[in-house]
N, C-alpha and C. Protein backbone atom coordinates (compact mmCIF):
# COMPACT_ATOMS: atom_id res chain seq x y z
N UNK A 1 7.88 -46.30 -8.33
CA UNK A 1 7.87 -45.49 -7.12
C UNK A 1 6.92 -46.13 -6.13
N UNK A 2 7.32 -46.14 -4.88
CA UNK A 2 6.43 -46.62 -3.82
C UNK A 2 6.59 -45.70 -2.61
N UNK A 3 5.59 -45.75 -1.73
CA UNK A 3 5.58 -44.92 -0.53
C UNK A 3 5.70 -45.84 0.68
N UNK A 4 6.58 -45.45 1.60
CA UNK A 4 6.75 -46.23 2.82
C UNK A 4 6.91 -45.28 4.00
N UNK A 5 6.77 -45.83 5.21
CA UNK A 5 6.98 -45.04 6.42
C UNK A 5 8.41 -44.51 6.45
N UNK A 6 8.57 -43.32 6.94
CA UNK A 6 9.87 -42.71 7.18
C UNK A 6 10.55 -43.45 8.32
N UNK A 7 11.84 -43.64 8.23
CA UNK A 7 12.63 -44.22 9.32
C UNK A 7 13.77 -43.26 9.65
N UNK A 8 14.34 -43.37 10.84
CA UNK A 8 15.46 -42.48 11.20
C UNK A 8 16.62 -42.52 10.20
N UNK A 9 16.81 -43.63 9.53
CA UNK A 9 17.90 -43.70 8.55
C UNK A 9 17.62 -42.82 7.32
N UNK A 10 16.39 -42.30 7.21
CA UNK A 10 16.03 -41.43 6.09
C UNK A 10 16.36 -39.95 6.34
N UNK A 11 16.80 -39.59 7.55
CA UNK A 11 17.07 -38.17 7.82
C UNK A 11 18.06 -37.55 6.83
N UNK A 12 19.18 -38.20 6.50
CA UNK A 12 20.09 -37.56 5.54
C UNK A 12 19.44 -37.32 4.17
N UNK A 13 18.69 -38.29 3.68
CA UNK A 13 18.04 -38.13 2.37
C UNK A 13 16.94 -37.07 2.42
N UNK A 14 16.16 -37.05 3.50
CA UNK A 14 15.11 -36.04 3.65
C UNK A 14 15.72 -34.65 3.72
N UNK A 15 16.81 -34.52 4.47
CA UNK A 15 17.48 -33.24 4.61
C UNK A 15 18.05 -32.78 3.26
N UNK A 16 18.67 -33.68 2.53
CA UNK A 16 19.20 -33.33 1.21
C UNK A 16 18.08 -32.88 0.27
N UNK A 17 16.95 -33.57 0.31
CA UNK A 17 15.79 -33.20 -0.50
C UNK A 17 15.30 -31.80 -0.12
N UNK A 18 15.10 -31.58 1.17
CA UNK A 18 14.65 -30.28 1.67
C UNK A 18 15.62 -29.17 1.27
N UNK A 19 16.91 -29.39 1.46
CA UNK A 19 17.90 -28.36 1.19
C UNK A 19 18.03 -28.06 -0.30
N UNK A 20 17.73 -29.04 -1.14
CA UNK A 20 17.72 -28.80 -2.59
C UNK A 20 16.55 -27.90 -2.97
N UNK A 21 15.41 -28.13 -2.34
CA UNK A 21 14.20 -27.35 -2.65
C UNK A 21 14.26 -25.98 -1.99
N UNK A 22 14.73 -25.93 -0.76
CA UNK A 22 14.72 -24.69 0.03
C UNK A 22 16.14 -24.36 0.54
N UNK A 23 17.05 -23.98 -0.34
CA UNK A 23 18.43 -23.73 0.11
C UNK A 23 18.54 -22.60 1.14
N UNK A 24 17.63 -21.65 1.13
CA UNK A 24 17.70 -20.56 2.10
C UNK A 24 17.12 -20.97 3.47
N UNK A 25 16.54 -22.16 3.54
CA UNK A 25 15.98 -22.68 4.80
C UNK A 25 16.65 -24.01 5.16
N UNK A 26 17.96 -24.05 4.98
CA UNK A 26 18.71 -25.30 5.13
C UNK A 26 18.58 -25.89 6.53
N UNK A 27 18.60 -27.21 6.57
CA UNK A 27 18.54 -27.97 7.82
C UNK A 27 19.67 -28.99 7.84
N UNK A 28 19.86 -29.59 9.00
CA UNK A 28 20.81 -30.70 9.13
C UNK A 28 20.03 -31.93 9.57
N UNK A 29 20.53 -33.11 9.26
CA UNK A 29 19.84 -34.33 9.73
C UNK A 29 19.73 -34.37 11.26
N UNK A 30 20.78 -33.94 11.94
CA UNK A 30 20.78 -33.98 13.41
C UNK A 30 19.75 -33.00 13.97
N UNK A 31 19.68 -31.82 13.39
CA UNK A 31 18.72 -30.83 13.84
C UNK A 31 17.29 -31.28 13.61
N UNK A 32 17.06 -31.89 12.45
CA UNK A 32 15.71 -32.37 12.13
C UNK A 32 15.31 -33.48 13.09
N UNK A 33 16.23 -34.40 13.34
CA UNK A 33 15.95 -35.51 14.26
C UNK A 33 15.65 -34.97 15.66
N UNK A 34 16.41 -33.98 16.10
CA UNK A 34 16.18 -33.40 17.42
C UNK A 34 14.80 -32.75 17.50
N UNK A 35 14.40 -32.03 16.45
CA UNK A 35 13.06 -31.43 16.44
C UNK A 35 11.98 -32.50 16.54
N UNK A 36 12.14 -33.57 15.79
CA UNK A 36 11.16 -34.65 15.82
C UNK A 36 11.08 -35.28 17.22
N UNK A 37 12.20 -35.44 17.87
CA UNK A 37 12.23 -36.07 19.19
C UNK A 37 11.62 -35.18 20.27
N UNK A 38 11.59 -33.87 20.03
CA UNK A 38 11.05 -32.94 21.02
C UNK A 38 9.57 -32.63 20.80
N UNK A 39 8.96 -33.32 19.88
CA UNK A 39 7.54 -33.13 19.62
C UNK A 39 6.69 -33.40 20.86
N UNK A 40 5.68 -32.60 21.06
CA UNK A 40 4.79 -32.83 22.21
C UNK A 40 4.02 -34.13 21.97
N UNK A 41 3.93 -35.00 22.96
CA UNK A 41 3.29 -36.31 22.75
C UNK A 41 1.81 -36.24 22.38
N UNK A 42 1.13 -35.16 22.69
CA UNK A 42 -0.29 -35.10 22.35
C UNK A 42 -0.51 -34.74 20.86
N UNK A 43 0.53 -34.25 20.21
CA UNK A 43 0.42 -33.86 18.80
C UNK A 43 0.60 -35.07 17.88
N UNK A 44 -0.35 -35.24 17.00
CA UNK A 44 -0.28 -36.35 16.04
C UNK A 44 0.72 -35.99 14.93
N UNK A 45 1.44 -37.01 14.50
CA UNK A 45 2.50 -36.79 13.52
C UNK A 45 2.81 -38.10 12.81
N UNK A 46 3.00 -38.01 11.51
CA UNK A 46 3.46 -39.18 10.75
C UNK A 46 4.09 -38.67 9.46
N UNK A 47 5.20 -39.31 9.06
CA UNK A 47 5.91 -38.92 7.84
C UNK A 47 6.14 -40.17 7.00
N UNK A 48 6.05 -39.98 5.69
CA UNK A 48 6.31 -41.04 4.71
C UNK A 48 7.32 -40.52 3.70
N UNK A 49 7.97 -41.45 3.02
CA UNK A 49 8.86 -41.08 1.92
C UNK A 49 8.43 -41.83 0.66
N UNK A 50 8.65 -41.16 -0.46
CA UNK A 50 8.46 -41.79 -1.77
C UNK A 50 9.84 -42.25 -2.24
N UNK A 51 9.91 -43.49 -2.67
CA UNK A 51 11.19 -44.08 -3.05
C UNK A 51 11.10 -44.55 -4.50
N UNK A 52 12.16 -44.22 -5.24
CA UNK A 52 12.25 -44.66 -6.63
C UNK A 52 13.70 -45.09 -6.86
N UNK A 53 13.90 -46.25 -7.40
CA UNK A 53 15.26 -46.78 -7.62
C UNK A 53 16.09 -46.70 -6.34
N UNK A 54 15.47 -47.04 -5.23
CA UNK A 54 16.10 -47.09 -3.91
C UNK A 54 16.55 -45.72 -3.39
N UNK A 55 16.10 -44.65 -4.01
CA UNK A 55 16.43 -43.30 -3.54
C UNK A 55 15.16 -42.59 -3.08
N UNK A 56 15.27 -41.79 -2.02
CA UNK A 56 14.15 -40.98 -1.55
C UNK A 56 13.97 -39.83 -2.53
N UNK A 57 12.80 -39.78 -3.16
CA UNK A 57 12.52 -38.74 -4.16
C UNK A 57 11.41 -37.80 -3.72
N UNK A 58 10.80 -38.09 -2.58
CA UNK A 58 9.73 -37.23 -2.08
C UNK A 58 9.41 -37.58 -0.64
N UNK A 59 8.63 -36.70 -0.01
CA UNK A 59 8.21 -36.94 1.37
C UNK A 59 6.87 -36.26 1.60
N UNK A 60 6.09 -36.84 2.48
CA UNK A 60 4.81 -36.26 2.88
C UNK A 60 4.63 -36.44 4.37
N UNK A 61 3.94 -35.50 5.01
CA UNK A 61 3.80 -35.53 6.46
C UNK A 61 2.50 -34.88 6.88
N UNK A 62 1.94 -35.36 7.99
CA UNK A 62 0.95 -34.56 8.71
C UNK A 62 1.48 -34.36 10.11
N UNK A 63 1.08 -33.25 10.70
CA UNK A 63 1.66 -32.84 11.96
C UNK A 63 0.69 -31.92 12.68
N UNK A 64 0.90 -31.76 13.96
CA UNK A 64 0.19 -30.76 14.75
C UNK A 64 1.22 -29.99 15.56
N UNK A 65 0.90 -28.75 15.87
CA UNK A 65 1.82 -27.90 16.62
C UNK A 65 1.20 -27.58 17.98
N UNK A 66 1.94 -27.83 19.03
CA UNK A 66 1.41 -27.61 20.37
C UNK A 66 1.12 -26.13 20.63
N UNK A 67 1.79 -25.22 19.91
CA UNK A 67 1.58 -23.79 20.16
C UNK A 67 0.21 -23.31 19.70
N UNK A 68 -0.43 -24.04 18.80
CA UNK A 68 -1.81 -23.69 18.41
C UNK A 68 -2.65 -24.96 18.29
N UNK A 69 -2.49 -25.84 19.25
CA UNK A 69 -3.09 -27.17 19.20
C UNK A 69 -4.61 -27.13 19.16
N UNK A 70 -5.13 -27.91 18.27
CA UNK A 70 -6.55 -28.22 18.18
C UNK A 70 -6.57 -29.66 17.66
N UNK A 71 -7.31 -30.56 18.27
CA UNK A 71 -7.25 -31.97 17.86
C UNK A 71 -7.70 -32.22 16.42
N UNK A 72 -8.36 -31.25 15.80
CA UNK A 72 -8.86 -31.44 14.43
C UNK A 72 -8.13 -30.56 13.42
N UNK A 73 -7.05 -29.90 13.84
CA UNK A 73 -6.29 -29.03 12.94
C UNK A 73 -4.92 -29.67 12.70
N UNK A 74 -4.54 -29.74 11.43
CA UNK A 74 -3.29 -30.39 11.04
C UNK A 74 -2.52 -29.53 10.04
N UNK A 75 -1.25 -29.72 10.07
CA UNK A 75 -0.36 -29.14 9.08
C UNK A 75 0.06 -30.29 8.17
N UNK A 76 0.07 -30.04 6.86
CA UNK A 76 0.55 -31.05 5.91
C UNK A 76 1.66 -30.44 5.07
N UNK A 77 2.57 -31.29 4.62
CA UNK A 77 3.67 -30.83 3.79
C UNK A 77 4.07 -31.94 2.83
N UNK A 78 4.45 -31.51 1.64
CA UNK A 78 4.85 -32.45 0.59
C UNK A 78 6.08 -31.91 -0.10
N UNK A 79 7.05 -32.77 -0.32
CA UNK A 79 8.28 -32.39 -1.01
C UNK A 79 8.54 -33.42 -2.10
N UNK A 80 8.95 -32.94 -3.28
CA UNK A 80 9.35 -33.82 -4.38
C UNK A 80 10.61 -33.23 -4.99
N UNK A 81 11.57 -34.08 -5.29
CA UNK A 81 12.82 -33.63 -5.90
C UNK A 81 12.50 -32.80 -7.14
N UNK A 82 13.13 -31.64 -7.29
CA UNK A 82 12.80 -30.74 -8.39
C UNK A 82 12.80 -31.38 -9.78
N UNK A 83 13.75 -32.22 -10.09
CA UNK A 83 13.80 -32.84 -11.41
C UNK A 83 12.74 -33.91 -11.63
N UNK A 84 12.01 -34.27 -10.59
CA UNK A 84 11.02 -35.34 -10.68
C UNK A 84 9.58 -34.83 -10.47
N UNK A 85 9.42 -33.53 -10.37
CA UNK A 85 8.08 -32.98 -10.18
C UNK A 85 7.25 -33.13 -11.44
N UNK A 86 5.93 -33.10 -11.23
CA UNK A 86 4.95 -33.24 -12.32
C UNK A 86 4.96 -34.64 -12.95
N UNK A 87 5.28 -35.63 -12.12
CA UNK A 87 5.24 -37.03 -12.56
C UNK A 87 4.30 -37.87 -11.72
N UNK A 88 3.55 -37.22 -10.81
CA UNK A 88 2.59 -37.94 -9.99
C UNK A 88 3.08 -38.31 -8.60
N UNK A 89 4.34 -38.03 -8.28
CA UNK A 89 4.87 -38.39 -6.97
C UNK A 89 4.18 -37.57 -5.88
N UNK A 90 4.09 -36.25 -6.09
CA UNK A 90 3.42 -35.39 -5.12
C UNK A 90 1.96 -35.75 -4.95
N UNK A 91 1.29 -36.05 -6.05
CA UNK A 91 -0.12 -36.44 -5.98
C UNK A 91 -0.29 -37.73 -5.19
N UNK A 92 0.60 -38.69 -5.42
CA UNK A 92 0.53 -39.96 -4.69
C UNK A 92 0.77 -39.73 -3.19
N UNK A 93 1.74 -38.89 -2.87
CA UNK A 93 1.99 -38.58 -1.46
C UNK A 93 0.79 -37.87 -0.84
N UNK A 94 0.21 -36.93 -1.57
CA UNK A 94 -0.95 -36.20 -1.08
C UNK A 94 -2.10 -37.17 -0.78
N UNK A 95 -2.40 -38.05 -1.71
CA UNK A 95 -3.49 -39.02 -1.52
C UNK A 95 -3.21 -39.93 -0.33
N UNK A 96 -1.96 -40.34 -0.19
CA UNK A 96 -1.59 -41.22 0.92
C UNK A 96 -1.76 -40.52 2.26
N UNK A 97 -1.24 -39.31 2.37
CA UNK A 97 -1.35 -38.56 3.62
C UNK A 97 -2.81 -38.28 3.95
N UNK A 98 -3.59 -37.88 2.97
CA UNK A 98 -5.01 -37.58 3.21
C UNK A 98 -5.76 -38.83 3.69
N UNK A 99 -5.47 -39.96 3.11
CA UNK A 99 -6.12 -41.21 3.53
C UNK A 99 -5.74 -41.56 4.96
N UNK A 100 -4.47 -41.38 5.31
CA UNK A 100 -4.01 -41.69 6.66
C UNK A 100 -4.55 -40.71 7.70
N UNK A 101 -4.89 -39.50 7.28
CA UNK A 101 -5.44 -38.49 8.18
C UNK A 101 -6.91 -38.74 8.54
N UNK A 102 -7.64 -39.41 7.68
CA UNK A 102 -9.09 -39.54 7.84
C UNK A 102 -9.54 -40.07 9.20
N UNK A 103 -8.88 -41.04 9.81
CA UNK A 103 -9.34 -41.51 11.12
C UNK A 103 -9.35 -40.41 12.20
N UNK A 104 -8.58 -39.34 11.98
CA UNK A 104 -8.50 -38.26 12.97
C UNK A 104 -9.54 -37.17 12.71
N UNK A 105 -10.37 -37.35 11.68
CA UNK A 105 -11.44 -36.42 11.34
C UNK A 105 -10.97 -34.97 11.26
N UNK A 106 -9.96 -34.69 10.41
CA UNK A 106 -9.44 -33.32 10.33
C UNK A 106 -10.51 -32.34 9.85
N UNK A 107 -10.52 -31.16 10.44
CA UNK A 107 -11.46 -30.11 10.03
C UNK A 107 -10.73 -28.93 9.39
N UNK A 108 -9.47 -28.75 9.74
CA UNK A 108 -8.66 -27.67 9.17
C UNK A 108 -7.31 -28.25 8.78
N UNK A 109 -6.90 -27.97 7.55
CA UNK A 109 -5.57 -28.36 7.09
C UNK A 109 -4.82 -27.09 6.71
N UNK A 110 -3.57 -27.04 7.10
CA UNK A 110 -2.72 -25.91 6.76
C UNK A 110 -1.50 -26.43 6.01
N UNK A 111 -1.00 -25.60 5.12
CA UNK A 111 0.22 -25.94 4.39
C UNK A 111 0.94 -24.64 4.08
N UNK A 112 2.23 -24.73 3.86
CA UNK A 112 3.01 -23.57 3.46
C UNK A 112 3.35 -23.69 1.98
N UNK A 113 3.34 -22.56 1.32
CA UNK A 113 3.84 -22.47 -0.05
C UNK A 113 4.65 -21.18 -0.11
N UNK A 114 5.75 -21.23 -0.80
CA UNK A 114 6.67 -20.09 -0.81
C UNK A 114 6.68 -19.42 -2.17
N UNK A 115 6.82 -18.11 -2.13
CA UNK A 115 6.77 -17.31 -3.35
C UNK A 115 7.83 -17.73 -4.36
N UNK A 116 8.98 -18.16 -3.86
CA UNK A 116 10.05 -18.59 -4.77
C UNK A 116 9.87 -20.03 -5.24
N UNK A 117 8.77 -20.65 -4.85
CA UNK A 117 8.42 -22.01 -5.27
C UNK A 117 6.97 -22.02 -5.77
N UNK A 118 6.68 -21.33 -6.88
CA UNK A 118 5.28 -21.20 -7.31
C UNK A 118 4.60 -22.53 -7.63
N UNK A 119 5.35 -23.55 -7.98
CA UNK A 119 4.74 -24.85 -8.26
C UNK A 119 4.12 -25.45 -7.00
N UNK A 120 4.67 -25.12 -5.83
CA UNK A 120 4.09 -25.61 -4.58
C UNK A 120 2.74 -24.98 -4.30
N UNK A 121 2.65 -23.67 -4.53
CA UNK A 121 1.37 -22.99 -4.35
C UNK A 121 0.35 -23.53 -5.35
N UNK A 122 0.75 -23.69 -6.58
CA UNK A 122 -0.15 -24.24 -7.60
C UNK A 122 -0.64 -25.63 -7.20
N UNK A 123 0.26 -26.46 -6.69
CA UNK A 123 -0.09 -27.82 -6.25
C UNK A 123 -1.18 -27.77 -5.19
N UNK A 124 -1.02 -26.89 -4.20
CA UNK A 124 -2.00 -26.80 -3.11
C UNK A 124 -3.31 -26.16 -3.57
N UNK A 125 -3.25 -25.12 -4.39
CA UNK A 125 -4.47 -24.49 -4.89
C UNK A 125 -5.30 -25.48 -5.69
N UNK A 126 -4.64 -26.31 -6.47
CA UNK A 126 -5.32 -27.32 -7.30
C UNK A 126 -6.08 -28.34 -6.43
N UNK A 127 -5.68 -28.46 -5.18
CA UNK A 127 -6.32 -29.42 -4.27
C UNK A 127 -7.28 -28.76 -3.28
N UNK A 128 -7.64 -27.51 -3.55
CA UNK A 128 -8.66 -26.85 -2.75
C UNK A 128 -8.15 -25.96 -1.65
N UNK A 129 -6.85 -25.86 -1.46
CA UNK A 129 -6.31 -24.94 -0.47
C UNK A 129 -6.44 -23.52 -1.01
N UNK A 130 -6.39 -22.54 -0.13
CA UNK A 130 -6.42 -21.14 -0.55
C UNK A 130 -5.42 -20.36 0.29
N UNK A 131 -5.01 -19.24 -0.23
CA UNK A 131 -4.06 -18.41 0.49
C UNK A 131 -4.77 -17.69 1.62
N UNK A 132 -4.38 -17.95 2.84
CA UNK A 132 -5.01 -17.34 4.01
C UNK A 132 -4.20 -16.14 4.49
N UNK A 133 -2.91 -16.19 4.37
CA UNK A 133 -2.06 -15.06 4.72
C UNK A 133 -0.73 -15.20 4.01
N UNK A 134 -0.04 -14.08 3.90
CA UNK A 134 1.24 -14.05 3.20
C UNK A 134 2.30 -13.44 4.11
N UNK A 135 3.42 -14.09 4.17
CA UNK A 135 4.55 -13.61 4.94
C UNK A 135 5.60 -13.10 3.97
N UNK A 136 6.12 -11.92 4.23
CA UNK A 136 7.17 -11.36 3.39
C UNK A 136 8.49 -11.49 4.13
N UNK A 137 9.39 -12.31 3.61
CA UNK A 137 10.70 -12.46 4.29
C UNK A 137 11.46 -11.14 4.22
N UNK A 138 12.05 -10.77 5.33
CA UNK A 138 12.88 -9.58 5.41
C UNK A 138 14.21 -10.01 6.02
N UNK A 139 15.29 -9.68 5.31
CA UNK A 139 16.61 -10.09 5.79
C UNK A 139 17.52 -8.87 5.89
N UNK A 140 18.43 -8.91 6.83
CA UNK A 140 19.39 -7.84 7.02
C UNK A 140 20.79 -8.45 6.90
N UNK A 141 21.57 -7.96 5.95
CA UNK A 141 22.94 -8.41 5.77
C UNK A 141 23.80 -7.68 6.79
N UNK A 142 24.16 -8.36 7.86
CA UNK A 142 24.90 -7.75 8.96
C UNK A 142 26.33 -7.38 8.58
N UNK A 143 26.83 -7.92 7.49
CA UNK A 143 28.18 -7.56 7.06
C UNK A 143 28.21 -6.17 6.44
N UNK A 144 27.05 -5.61 6.12
CA UNK A 144 26.97 -4.29 5.49
C UNK A 144 26.39 -3.22 6.39
N UNK A 145 26.22 -3.57 7.66
CA UNK A 145 25.65 -2.58 8.60
C UNK A 145 26.75 -1.79 9.27
């Protein structure tokens, strides 16, 4: 396994990885690319992929959001293919992203973990993150209203 910079040709693989992990939060490669292209230029952003046997098996990113911009606050995210978790891929991505963040002197890091993905929360808690707030998804089936 090795880690390299994300390229636009990785959107389909990244999207497939994301949709496998989060089927209720599905994305499209075109939609993801459009979001990336609309990023505010003052927000720092970088994404990497973990590759094994020429396939994308994980991804890591740091990002900033213009809606709550602070030059020292970052959002981080890590994804690893479900069948390949607990093999060190996520840890390697985490170490890589953290090392790349250091020149920006981050003071606050944020990450999301979802209740239906307890391994993600465990991964972040093990690295010193803590639960700051909890969102409860509420859905309305409009076909039954």
